[in-house]
């Protein structure tokens, strides 16, 4: 979000010139919404591609040997929901950027981006508030992770697994499946 706001503050002069030449607020708003929606849609497509690649990698690594590994598939309905969510996220992210661009300060936009001008205080406050929100969310996630890790550790120590885990020996026997007929192979498993 901060990167989008920095990019929008870099385009203040351009958008002020467009408004001065007669571009409507609706045109600028639609440009911002389309731009952010395309960015989030591209991110969603990259995420889906990474997920499909991860599922293929799990299949190559032998996920079918896991207890529920044979049910790991790429769900097209879930992919459509993820793409729709990325488009909605693009529209939600466009709101503060559109507010920043359309607050009606064309003259200030032209002056602030001149050679000796500085950025507008409202833009600085908005950027700083997003930085504070990001740091606060990071701390919440870290606290949740620590709490979850502590709970899992307590459960592992306090709850018996239901068997004695000491003096346990495990092994694996590989049978030559080609030398058994199908009905005998089923009995051996």
N, C-alpha and C. Protein backbone atom coordinates (compact mmCIF):
# COMPACT_ATOMS: atom_id res chain seq x y z
N UNK A 1 0.82 -1.18 0.00
CA UNK A 1 0.00 0.00 0.00
C UNK A 1 0.87 1.25 0.00
N UNK A 2 1.91 1.20 0.82
CA UNK A 2 2.80 2.36 0.88
C UNK A 2 3.45 2.61 -0.47
N UNK A 3 3.82 1.55 -1.17
CA UNK A 3 4.44 1.73 -2.48
C UNK A 3 3.47 2.37 -3.47
N UNK A 4 2.21 1.99 -3.39
CA UNK A 4 1.21 2.62 -4.26
C UNK A 4 1.03 4.09 -3.91
N UNK A 5 1.08 4.43 -2.62
CA UNK A 5 0.96 5.83 -2.23
C UNK A 5 2.18 6.64 -2.65
N UNK A 6 3.35 6.05 -2.57
CA UNK A 6 4.55 6.75 -3.02
C UNK A 6 4.48 7.00 -4.51
N UNK A 7 4.00 6.00 -5.25
CA UNK A 7 3.84 6.17 -6.69
C UNK A 7 2.80 7.24 -6.99
N UNK A 8 1.72 7.26 -6.23
CA UNK A 8 0.68 8.28 -6.45
C UNK A 8 1.21 9.67 -6.12
N UNK A 9 2.01 9.79 -5.07
CA UNK A 9 2.56 11.11 -4.75
C UNK A 9 3.56 11.56 -5.80
N UNK A 10 4.20 10.62 -6.48
CA UNK A 10 5.11 10.96 -7.56
C UNK A 10 4.38 11.41 -8.81
N UNK A 11 3.10 11.04 -8.90
CA UNK A 11 2.30 11.41 -10.06
C UNK A 11 1.37 12.58 -9.80
N UNK A 12 1.55 13.28 -8.70
CA UNK A 12 0.66 14.39 -8.35
C UNK A 12 0.68 15.46 -9.43
N UNK A 13 1.87 15.78 -9.90
CA UNK A 13 1.98 16.83 -10.91
C UNK A 13 1.30 16.40 -12.21
N UNK A 14 1.51 15.16 -12.60
CA UNK A 14 0.87 14.66 -13.83
C UNK A 14 -0.64 14.72 -13.74
N UNK A 15 -1.19 14.26 -12.61
CA UNK A 15 -2.65 14.27 -12.45
C UNK A 15 -3.19 15.68 -12.32
N UNK A 16 -2.42 16.59 -11.71
CA UNK A 16 -2.85 17.99 -11.63
C UNK A 16 -2.89 18.62 -13.02
N UNK A 17 -1.93 18.29 -13.86
CA UNK A 17 -1.94 18.80 -15.24
C UNK A 17 -3.12 18.21 -16.00
N UNK A 18 -3.39 16.93 -15.81
CA UNK A 18 -4.55 16.32 -16.47
C UNK A 18 -5.86 16.98 -16.05
N UNK A 19 -5.98 17.25 -14.75
CA UNK A 19 -7.20 17.92 -14.29
C UNK A 19 -7.28 19.34 -14.83
N UNK A 20 -6.15 20.02 -14.91
CA UNK A 20 -6.15 21.38 -15.44
C UNK A 20 -6.49 21.40 -16.92
N UNK A 21 -6.15 20.34 -17.64
CA UNK A 21 -6.47 20.27 -19.06
C UNK A 21 -7.88 19.77 -19.32
N UNK A 22 -8.60 19.37 -18.28
CA UNK A 22 -10.00 19.02 -18.44
C UNK A 22 -10.37 17.58 -18.16
N UNK A 23 -9.47 16.81 -17.64
CA UNK A 23 -9.82 15.43 -17.29
C UNK A 23 -10.78 15.44 -16.11
N UNK A 24 -11.81 14.64 -16.22
CA UNK A 24 -12.80 14.61 -15.14
C UNK A 24 -12.29 13.76 -13.98
N UNK A 25 -12.94 13.95 -12.84
CA UNK A 25 -12.59 13.15 -11.66
C UNK A 25 -12.89 11.68 -11.89
N UNK A 26 -13.95 11.41 -12.62
CA UNK A 26 -14.31 10.02 -12.93
C UNK A 26 -13.26 9.32 -13.77
N UNK A 27 -12.68 10.06 -14.72
CA UNK A 27 -11.63 9.49 -15.56
C UNK A 27 -10.40 9.14 -14.72
N UNK A 28 -10.00 10.04 -13.85
CA UNK A 28 -8.83 9.80 -13.00
C UNK A 28 -9.13 8.67 -12.01
N UNK A 29 -10.34 8.66 -11.47
CA UNK A 29 -10.73 7.60 -10.54
C UNK A 29 -10.71 6.24 -11.23
N UNK A 30 -11.25 6.16 -12.45
CA UNK A 30 -11.25 4.88 -13.16
C UNK A 30 -9.83 4.44 -13.50
N UNK A 31 -8.95 5.40 -13.80
CA UNK A 31 -7.56 5.05 -14.08
C UNK A 31 -6.89 4.44 -12.84
N UNK A 32 -7.13 5.03 -11.69
CA UNK A 32 -6.54 4.52 -10.44
C UNK A 32 -7.09 3.14 -10.11
N UNK A 33 -8.41 2.96 -10.26
CA UNK A 33 -9.03 1.67 -9.95
C UNK A 33 -8.52 0.58 -10.89
N UNK A 34 -8.43 0.89 -12.18
CA UNK A 34 -7.95 -0.10 -13.14
C UNK A 34 -6.49 -0.45 -12.86
N UNK A 35 -5.68 0.55 -12.57
CA UNK A 35 -4.26 0.30 -12.31
C UNK A 35 -4.07 -0.59 -11.10
N UNK A 36 -4.70 -0.27 -9.98
CA UNK A 36 -4.51 -1.09 -8.78
C UNK A 36 -5.16 -2.46 -8.94
N UNK A 37 -6.29 -2.54 -9.64
CA UNK A 37 -6.92 -3.85 -9.86
C UNK A 37 -6.04 -4.74 -10.73
N UNK A 38 -5.41 -4.17 -11.74
CA UNK A 38 -4.51 -4.97 -12.57
C UNK A 38 -3.29 -5.43 -11.78
N UNK A 39 -2.78 -4.58 -10.91
CA UNK A 39 -1.63 -4.98 -10.08
C UNK A 39 -2.00 -6.13 -9.15
N UNK A 40 -3.15 -6.02 -8.49
CA UNK A 40 -3.55 -7.08 -7.57
C UNK A 40 -3.94 -8.35 -8.32
N UNK A 41 -4.53 -8.21 -9.52
CA UNK A 41 -4.86 -9.38 -10.32
C UNK A 41 -3.60 -10.10 -10.78
N UNK A 42 -2.58 -9.33 -11.16
CA UNK A 42 -1.30 -9.94 -11.53
C UNK A 42 -0.69 -10.67 -10.33
N UNK A 43 -0.78 -10.08 -9.14
CA UNK A 43 -0.29 -10.75 -7.94
C UNK A 43 -1.09 -12.01 -7.64
N UNK A 44 -2.40 -11.95 -7.84
CA UNK A 44 -3.23 -13.14 -7.62
C UNK A 44 -2.90 -14.26 -8.60
N UNK A 45 -2.66 -13.90 -9.88
CA UNK A 45 -2.28 -14.91 -10.86
C UNK A 45 -0.92 -15.53 -10.54
N UNK A 46 0.02 -14.70 -10.11
CA UNK A 46 1.33 -15.24 -9.71
C UNK A 46 1.19 -16.16 -8.50
N UNK A 47 0.33 -15.79 -7.55
CA UNK A 47 0.09 -16.65 -6.39
C UNK A 47 -0.54 -17.97 -6.78
N UNK A 48 -1.49 -17.94 -7.72
CA UNK A 48 -2.11 -19.19 -8.17
C UNK A 48 -1.10 -20.05 -8.93
N UNK A 49 -0.24 -19.42 -9.72
CA UNK A 49 0.79 -20.19 -10.42
C UNK A 49 1.75 -20.83 -9.43
N UNK A 50 2.13 -20.10 -8.39
CA UNK A 50 3.01 -20.66 -7.36
C UNK A 50 2.30 -21.80 -6.62
N UNK A 51 1.02 -21.66 -6.35
CA UNK A 51 0.27 -22.73 -5.70
C UNK A 51 0.16 -23.98 -6.56
N UNK A 52 -0.10 -23.80 -7.86
CA UNK A 52 -0.17 -24.96 -8.77
C UNK A 52 1.19 -25.63 -8.87
N UNK A 53 2.25 -24.83 -8.93
CA UNK A 53 3.59 -25.41 -8.95
C UNK A 53 3.91 -26.15 -7.67
N UNK A 54 3.47 -25.62 -6.54
CA UNK A 54 3.69 -26.29 -5.26
C UNK A 54 2.95 -27.62 -5.18
N UNK A 55 1.74 -27.66 -5.73
CA UNK A 55 0.98 -28.91 -5.73
C UNK A 55 1.67 -29.95 -6.61
N UNK A 56 2.18 -29.50 -7.76
CA UNK A 56 2.92 -30.45 -8.62
C UNK A 56 4.19 -30.94 -7.93
N UNK A 57 4.86 -30.03 -7.23
CA UNK A 57 6.07 -30.42 -6.50
C UNK A 57 5.73 -31.44 -5.42
N UNK A 58 4.63 -31.25 -4.72
CA UNK A 58 4.22 -32.23 -3.71
C UNK A 58 3.92 -33.58 -4.34
N UNK A 59 3.32 -33.56 -5.53
CA UNK A 59 3.03 -34.83 -6.20
C UNK A 59 4.31 -35.54 -6.61
N UNK A 60 5.30 -34.77 -7.05
CA UNK A 60 6.58 -35.37 -7.44
C UNK A 60 7.30 -35.91 -6.21
N UNK A 61 7.21 -35.20 -5.09
CA UNK A 61 7.90 -35.62 -3.88
C UNK A 61 7.21 -36.78 -3.18
N UNK A 62 6.01 -37.16 -3.63
CA UNK A 62 5.35 -38.32 -3.06
C UNK A 62 4.27 -37.99 -2.05
N UNK A 63 3.46 -36.99 -2.32
CA UNK A 63 2.39 -36.65 -1.39
C UNK A 63 1.34 -37.74 -1.31
N UNK A 64 1.28 -38.62 -2.32
CA UNK A 64 0.28 -39.69 -2.29
C UNK A 64 0.59 -40.72 -1.20
N UNK A 65 1.81 -40.72 -0.69
CA UNK A 65 2.17 -41.64 0.39
C UNK A 65 1.79 -41.09 1.77
N UNK A 66 1.39 -39.84 1.83
CA UNK A 66 0.94 -39.25 3.09
C UNK A 66 -0.47 -39.73 3.39
N UNK A 67 -0.93 -39.64 4.64
CA UNK A 67 -2.27 -40.14 4.98
C UNK A 67 -3.38 -39.52 4.14
N UNK A 68 -3.37 -38.22 3.96
CA UNK A 68 -4.40 -37.57 3.15
C UNK A 68 -3.79 -36.92 1.91
N UNK A 69 -2.63 -37.37 1.49
CA UNK A 69 -1.92 -36.75 0.38
C UNK A 69 -2.56 -36.97 -0.97
N UNK A 70 -3.35 -38.02 -1.13
CA UNK A 70 -3.96 -38.28 -2.42
C UNK A 70 -5.08 -37.28 -2.74
N UNK A 71 -5.47 -36.49 -1.77
CA UNK A 71 -6.56 -35.54 -1.99
C UNK A 71 -6.07 -34.12 -2.24
N UNK A 72 -4.77 -33.93 -2.43
CA UNK A 72 -4.23 -32.60 -2.69
C UNK A 72 -4.36 -32.32 -4.18
N UNK A 73 -5.27 -31.44 -4.54
CA UNK A 73 -5.51 -31.08 -5.94
C UNK A 73 -5.69 -29.57 -6.05
N UNK A 74 -5.54 -29.06 -7.26
CA UNK A 74 -5.77 -27.66 -7.55
C UNK A 74 -7.25 -27.48 -7.83
N UNK A 75 -7.95 -26.73 -7.00
CA UNK A 75 -9.39 -26.55 -7.12
C UNK A 75 -9.68 -25.29 -7.94
N UNK A 76 -10.38 -25.46 -9.06
CA UNK A 76 -10.67 -24.32 -9.95
C UNK A 76 -11.64 -23.34 -9.29
N UNK A 77 -12.58 -23.83 -8.49
CA UNK A 77 -13.52 -22.92 -7.82
C UNK A 77 -12.80 -22.03 -6.83
N UNK A 78 -11.86 -22.61 -6.09
CA UNK A 78 -11.09 -21.83 -5.14
C UNK A 78 -10.20 -20.83 -5.86
N UNK A 79 -9.68 -21.20 -7.03
CA UNK A 79 -8.86 -20.27 -7.82
C UNK A 79 -9.70 -19.08 -8.29
N UNK A 80 -10.94 -19.34 -8.70
CA UNK A 80 -11.82 -18.23 -9.12
C UNK A 80 -12.15 -17.31 -7.95
N UNK A 81 -12.36 -17.90 -6.78
CA UNK A 81 -12.62 -17.08 -5.59
C UNK A 81 -11.40 -16.23 -5.26
N UNK A 82 -10.21 -16.81 -5.38
CA UNK A 82 -8.98 -16.05 -5.10
C UNK A 82 -8.79 -14.92 -6.10
N UNK A 83 -9.10 -15.17 -7.37
CA UNK A 83 -8.98 -14.09 -8.37
C UNK A 83 -10.00 -13.00 -8.14
N UNK A 84 -11.22 -13.38 -7.78
CA UNK A 84 -12.24 -12.37 -7.46
C UNK A 84 -11.83 -11.56 -6.24
N UNK A 85 -11.26 -12.23 -5.24
CA UNK A 85 -10.80 -11.51 -4.05
C UNK A 85 -9.66 -10.56 -4.38
N UNK A 86 -8.80 -10.94 -5.30
CA UNK A 86 -7.71 -10.02 -5.67
C UNK A 86 -8.24 -8.80 -6.41
N UNK A 87 -9.28 -8.96 -7.21
CA UNK A 87 -9.88 -7.80 -7.88
C UNK A 87 -10.57 -6.89 -6.86
N UNK A 88 -11.28 -7.48 -5.91
CA UNK A 88 -11.92 -6.68 -4.87
C UNK A 88 -10.88 -5.96 -4.03
N UNK A 89 -9.77 -6.64 -3.72
CA UNK A 89 -8.70 -6.01 -2.98
C UNK A 89 -8.12 -4.83 -3.75
N UNK A 90 -8.01 -4.96 -5.06
CA UNK A 90 -7.54 -3.85 -5.88
C UNK A 90 -8.46 -2.64 -5.78
N UNK A 91 -9.76 -2.89 -5.75
CA UNK A 91 -10.71 -1.78 -5.62
C UNK A 91 -10.64 -1.15 -4.23
N UNK A 92 -10.44 -1.98 -3.21
CA UNK A 92 -10.32 -1.46 -1.85
C UNK A 92 -9.04 -0.63 -1.71
N UNK A 93 -7.95 -1.12 -2.29
CA UNK A 93 -6.70 -0.37 -2.22
C UNK A 93 -6.74 0.91 -3.05
N UNK A 94 -7.62 0.96 -4.03
CA UNK A 94 -7.73 2.16 -4.87
C UNK A 94 -8.37 3.32 -4.11
N UNK A 95 -9.15 3.04 -3.08
CA UNK A 95 -9.86 4.10 -2.38
C UNK A 95 -8.94 5.15 -1.76
N UNK A 96 -7.93 4.78 -0.95
CA UNK A 96 -7.07 5.84 -0.40
C UNK A 96 -6.24 6.55 -1.46
N UNK A 97 -5.86 5.82 -2.50
CA UNK A 97 -5.08 6.45 -3.56
C UNK A 97 -5.94 7.43 -4.34
N UNK A 98 -7.18 7.06 -4.60
CA UNK A 98 -8.09 7.98 -5.29
C UNK A 98 -8.38 9.20 -4.42
N UNK A 99 -8.55 8.98 -3.13
CA UNK A 99 -8.76 10.13 -2.23
C UNK A 99 -7.55 11.05 -2.27
N UNK A 100 -6.38 10.47 -2.27
CA UNK A 100 -5.15 11.25 -2.30
C UNK A 100 -5.05 12.05 -3.60
N UNK A 101 -5.43 11.44 -4.72
CA UNK A 101 -5.31 12.12 -6.01
C UNK A 101 -6.43 13.10 -6.28
N UNK A 102 -7.60 12.89 -5.72
CA UNK A 102 -8.77 13.70 -6.08
C UNK A 102 -9.22 14.65 -4.98
N UNK A 103 -8.36 15.06 -4.12
CA UNK A 103 -8.80 15.92 -3.02
C UNK A 103 -8.90 17.38 -3.43
N UNK A 104 -8.70 17.68 -4.71
CA UNK A 104 -8.97 19.02 -5.22
C UNK A 104 -7.85 20.03 -5.00
N UNK A 105 -6.64 19.59 -4.91
CA UNK A 105 -5.53 20.51 -4.69
C UNK A 105 -4.64 20.56 -5.93
N UNK A 106 -5.23 20.91 -7.09
CA UNK A 106 -4.45 20.92 -8.33
C UNK A 106 -3.30 21.92 -8.25
N UNK A 107 -3.58 23.12 -7.75
CA UNK A 107 -2.53 24.14 -7.68
C UNK A 107 -1.43 23.73 -6.71
N UNK A 108 -1.83 23.18 -5.56
CA UNK A 108 -0.82 22.69 -4.61
C UNK A 108 -0.03 21.54 -5.20
N UNK A 109 -0.69 20.71 -5.99
CA UNK A 109 0.01 19.60 -6.63
C UNK A 109 1.05 20.09 -7.61
N UNK A 110 0.70 21.12 -8.35
CA UNK A 110 1.67 21.67 -9.30
C UNK A 110 2.82 22.35 -8.57
N UNK A 111 2.51 23.05 -7.48
CA UNK A 111 3.56 23.76 -6.75
C UNK A 111 4.43 22.80 -5.93
N UNK A 112 3.82 21.78 -5.33
CA UNK A 112 4.59 20.91 -4.44
C UNK A 112 5.58 20.05 -5.20
N UNK A 113 5.27 19.73 -6.44
CA UNK A 113 6.17 18.89 -7.21
C UNK A 113 7.12 19.72 -8.07
N UNK A 114 7.17 21.02 -7.82
CA UNK A 114 8.11 21.84 -8.57
C UNK A 114 9.51 21.59 -8.06
N UNK A 115 10.46 22.28 -8.60
CA UNK A 115 11.86 22.01 -8.30
C UNK A 115 12.19 22.17 -6.81
N UNK A 116 11.68 23.19 -6.17
CA UNK A 116 12.03 23.42 -4.77
C UNK A 116 10.96 23.00 -3.80
N UNK A 117 9.88 22.34 -4.28
CA UNK A 117 8.76 21.99 -3.41
C UNK A 117 9.00 20.73 -2.62
N UNK A 118 8.20 20.54 -1.61
CA UNK A 118 8.25 19.33 -0.81
C UNK A 118 6.91 18.62 -0.93
N UNK A 119 6.84 17.45 -0.38
CA UNK A 119 5.58 16.71 -0.45
C UNK A 119 4.57 17.32 0.51
N UNK A 120 3.33 17.08 0.22
CA UNK A 120 2.23 17.63 1.00
C UNK A 120 2.15 16.90 2.34
N UNK A 121 1.77 17.63 3.38
CA UNK A 121 1.73 17.03 4.72
C UNK A 121 0.67 15.95 4.83
N UNK A 122 -0.43 16.12 4.11
CA UNK A 122 -1.47 15.08 4.15
C UNK A 122 -0.93 13.76 3.60
N UNK A 123 -0.11 13.84 2.55
CA UNK A 123 0.48 12.63 1.99
C UNK A 123 1.45 12.00 2.99
N UNK A 124 2.23 12.84 3.65
CA UNK A 124 3.16 12.31 4.65
C UNK A 124 2.42 11.65 5.80
N UNK A 125 1.34 12.29 6.27
CA UNK A 125 0.56 11.70 7.36
C UNK A 125 -0.06 10.36 6.96
N UNK A 126 -0.56 10.32 5.72
CA UNK A 126 -1.18 9.08 5.24
C UNK A 126 -0.14 7.97 5.15
N UNK A 127 1.03 8.27 4.63
CA UNK A 127 2.10 7.27 4.54
C UNK A 127 2.54 6.81 5.93
N UNK A 128 2.70 7.76 6.85
CA UNK A 128 3.12 7.39 8.20
C UNK A 128 2.05 6.55 8.90
N UNK A 129 0.79 6.85 8.66
CA UNK A 129 -0.27 6.05 9.30
C UNK A 129 -0.27 4.62 8.75
N UNK A 130 0.01 4.45 7.46
CA UNK A 130 0.10 3.10 6.92
C UNK A 130 1.31 2.35 7.47
N UNK A 131 2.41 3.04 7.67
CA UNK A 131 3.59 2.40 8.27
C UNK A 131 3.28 1.94 9.69
N UNK A 132 2.61 2.79 10.45
CA UNK A 132 2.24 2.43 11.82
C UNK A 132 1.28 1.24 11.82
N UNK A 133 0.33 1.23 10.89
CA UNK A 133 -0.62 0.11 10.81
C UNK A 133 0.10 -1.18 10.44
N UNK A 134 1.06 -1.11 9.54
CA UNK A 134 1.80 -2.31 9.15
C UNK A 134 2.62 -2.85 10.32
N UNK A 135 3.25 -1.98 11.06
CA UNK A 135 4.04 -2.42 12.21
C UNK A 135 3.13 -3.01 13.28
N UNK A 136 1.99 -2.39 13.51
CA UNK A 136 1.05 -2.92 14.50
C UNK A 136 0.55 -4.30 14.10
N UNK A 137 0.22 -4.49 12.83
CA UNK A 137 -0.23 -5.81 12.37
C UNK A 137 0.89 -6.84 12.48
N UNK A 138 2.12 -6.42 12.22
CA UNK A 138 3.25 -7.35 12.36
C UNK A 138 3.40 -7.81 13.80
N UNK A 139 3.24 -6.88 14.76
CA UNK A 139 3.33 -7.26 16.16
C UNK A 139 2.19 -8.19 16.57
N UNK A 140 0.99 -7.94 16.05
CA UNK A 140 -0.14 -8.82 16.35
C UNK A 140 0.13 -10.22 15.82
N UNK A 141 0.65 -10.31 14.59
CA UNK A 141 0.96 -11.62 14.02
C UNK A 141 2.06 -12.33 14.81
N UNK A 142 3.07 -11.59 15.22
CA UNK A 142 4.14 -12.21 16.01
C UNK A 142 3.63 -12.69 17.36
N UNK A 143 2.78 -11.89 18.00
CA UNK A 143 2.21 -12.31 19.28
C UNK A 143 1.34 -13.55 19.11
N UNK A 144 0.54 -13.59 18.04
CA UNK A 144 -0.29 -14.77 17.77
C UNK A 144 0.53 -16.00 17.50
N UNK A 145 1.62 -15.83 16.77
CA UNK A 145 2.51 -16.95 16.49
C UNK A 145 3.15 -17.47 17.76
N UNK A 146 3.61 -16.58 18.62
CA UNK A 146 4.21 -16.99 19.88
C UNK A 146 3.21 -17.70 20.77
N UNK A 147 2.00 -17.20 20.82
CA UNK A 147 0.96 -17.83 21.63
C UNK A 147 0.61 -19.21 21.09
N UNK A 148 0.52 -19.33 19.78
CA UNK A 148 0.20 -20.62 19.16
C UNK A 148 1.33 -21.62 19.41
N UNK A 149 2.57 -21.18 19.28
CA UNK A 149 3.70 -22.08 19.51
C UNK A 149 3.73 -22.55 20.96
N UNK A 150 3.46 -21.64 21.90
CA UNK A 150 3.42 -22.02 23.30
C UNK A 150 2.31 -23.01 23.58
N UNK A 151 1.14 -22.82 22.98
CA UNK A 151 0.02 -23.74 23.18
C UNK A 151 0.34 -25.12 22.63
N UNK A 152 0.95 -25.18 21.45
CA UNK A 152 1.30 -26.47 20.87
C UNK A 152 2.34 -27.17 21.74
N UNK A 153 3.31 -26.44 22.24
CA UNK A 153 4.32 -27.05 23.11
C UNK A 153 3.70 -27.59 24.39
N UNK A 154 2.78 -26.84 24.98
CA UNK A 154 2.10 -27.30 26.20
C UNK A 154 1.27 -28.55 25.93
N UNK A 155 0.60 -28.60 24.80
CA UNK A 155 -0.23 -29.77 24.48
C UNK A 155 0.66 -30.98 24.25
N UNK A 156 1.78 -30.80 23.58
CA UNK A 156 2.67 -31.95 23.33
C UNK A 156 3.23 -32.51 24.63
N UNK A 157 3.47 -31.66 25.62
CA UNK A 157 3.99 -32.14 26.90
C UNK A 157 2.90 -32.73 27.78
N UNK A 158 1.70 -32.17 27.73
CA UNK A 158 0.65 -32.54 28.68
C UNK A 158 -0.20 -33.72 28.22
N UNK A 159 -0.38 -33.91 26.93
CA UNK A 159 -1.30 -34.93 26.43
C UNK A 159 -0.51 -36.16 26.02
N UNK A 160 -0.97 -37.29 26.51
CA UNK A 160 -0.34 -38.57 26.16
C UNK A 160 -0.75 -38.94 24.73
N UNK A 161 0.19 -39.47 23.93
CA UNK A 161 -0.18 -39.83 22.56
C UNK A 161 -1.03 -41.10 22.48
N UNK A 162 -1.20 -41.82 23.56
CA UNK A 162 -2.02 -43.02 23.56
C UNK A 162 -1.21 -44.30 23.43
N UNK A 163 0.09 -44.20 23.41
CA UNK A 163 0.96 -45.37 23.35
C UNK A 163 2.29 -45.00 24.01
N UNK A 164 3.05 -46.04 24.33
CA UNK A 164 4.37 -45.80 24.91
C UNK A 164 5.35 -45.58 23.77
N UNK A 165 5.99 -44.46 23.75
CA UNK A 165 6.88 -44.14 22.63
C UNK A 165 8.32 -44.60 22.87
N UNK A 166 8.61 -45.13 24.06
CA UNK A 166 9.97 -45.65 24.29
C UNK A 166 10.02 -47.12 23.87
N UNK A 167 11.18 -47.61 23.49
CA UNK A 167 11.41 -48.98 23.05
C UNK A 167 10.53 -49.36 21.86
N UNK A 168 10.42 -48.46 20.90
CA UNK A 168 9.63 -48.72 19.70
C UNK A 168 10.59 -48.92 18.54
N UNK A 169 10.34 -49.96 17.75
CA UNK A 169 11.15 -50.25 16.59
C UNK A 169 10.24 -50.22 15.37
N UNK A 170 10.68 -49.53 14.36
CA UNK A 170 9.87 -49.47 13.14
C UNK A 170 10.71 -49.96 11.97
N UNK A 171 10.06 -50.46 10.95
CA UNK A 171 10.75 -50.98 9.79
C UNK A 171 9.85 -50.94 8.58
N UNK A 172 10.44 -51.32 7.43
CA UNK A 172 9.69 -51.30 6.19
C UNK A 172 10.11 -52.51 5.37
N UNK A 173 9.15 -53.18 4.78
CA UNK A 173 9.41 -54.34 3.94
C UNK A 173 8.91 -54.01 2.55
N UNK A 174 9.76 -54.20 1.57
CA UNK A 174 9.37 -53.97 0.18
C UNK A 174 9.17 -55.32 -0.49
N UNK A 175 7.97 -55.56 -1.00
CA UNK A 175 7.65 -56.81 -1.67
C UNK A 175 7.75 -56.59 -3.18
N UNK A 176 8.23 -57.58 -3.90
CA UNK A 176 8.25 -57.46 -5.37
C UNK A 176 6.85 -57.68 -5.93
N UNK A 177 6.14 -56.61 -6.23
CA UNK A 177 4.73 -56.68 -6.62
C UNK A 177 4.54 -57.44 -7.93
N UNK A 178 5.54 -57.51 -8.76
CA UNK A 178 5.38 -58.18 -10.05
C UNK A 178 5.24 -59.69 -9.91
N UNK A 179 5.77 -60.23 -8.83
CA UNK A 179 5.72 -61.68 -8.66
C UNK A 179 4.45 -62.16 -7.96
N UNK A 180 3.55 -61.26 -7.55
CA UNK A 180 2.32 -61.65 -6.89
C UNK A 180 1.13 -61.36 -7.81
N UNK A 181 0.18 -62.28 -7.87
CA UNK A 181 -1.07 -61.93 -8.57
C UNK A 181 -1.81 -60.86 -7.78
N UNK A 182 -2.77 -60.22 -8.41
CA UNK A 182 -3.45 -59.09 -7.77
C UNK A 182 -4.18 -59.49 -6.51
N UNK A 183 -4.83 -60.64 -6.46
CA UNK A 183 -5.57 -60.98 -5.24
C UNK A 183 -4.64 -61.27 -4.07
N UNK A 184 -3.47 -61.84 -4.32
CA UNK A 184 -2.52 -62.10 -3.25
C UNK A 184 -1.86 -60.79 -2.79
N UNK A 185 -1.62 -59.87 -3.73
CA UNK A 185 -1.02 -58.60 -3.37
C UNK A 185 -1.95 -57.81 -2.46
N UNK A 186 -3.23 -57.92 -2.69
CA UNK A 186 -4.20 -57.23 -1.84
C UNK A 186 -4.22 -57.80 -0.41
N UNK A 187 -4.02 -59.11 -0.31
CA UNK A 187 -4.00 -59.73 1.01
C UNK A 187 -2.75 -59.35 1.79
N UNK A 188 -1.64 -59.10 1.10
CA UNK A 188 -0.39 -58.76 1.78
C UNK A 188 -0.42 -57.34 2.32
N UNK A 189 -1.20 -56.50 1.73
CA UNK A 189 -1.24 -55.12 2.18
C UNK A 189 -2.10 -55.04 3.37
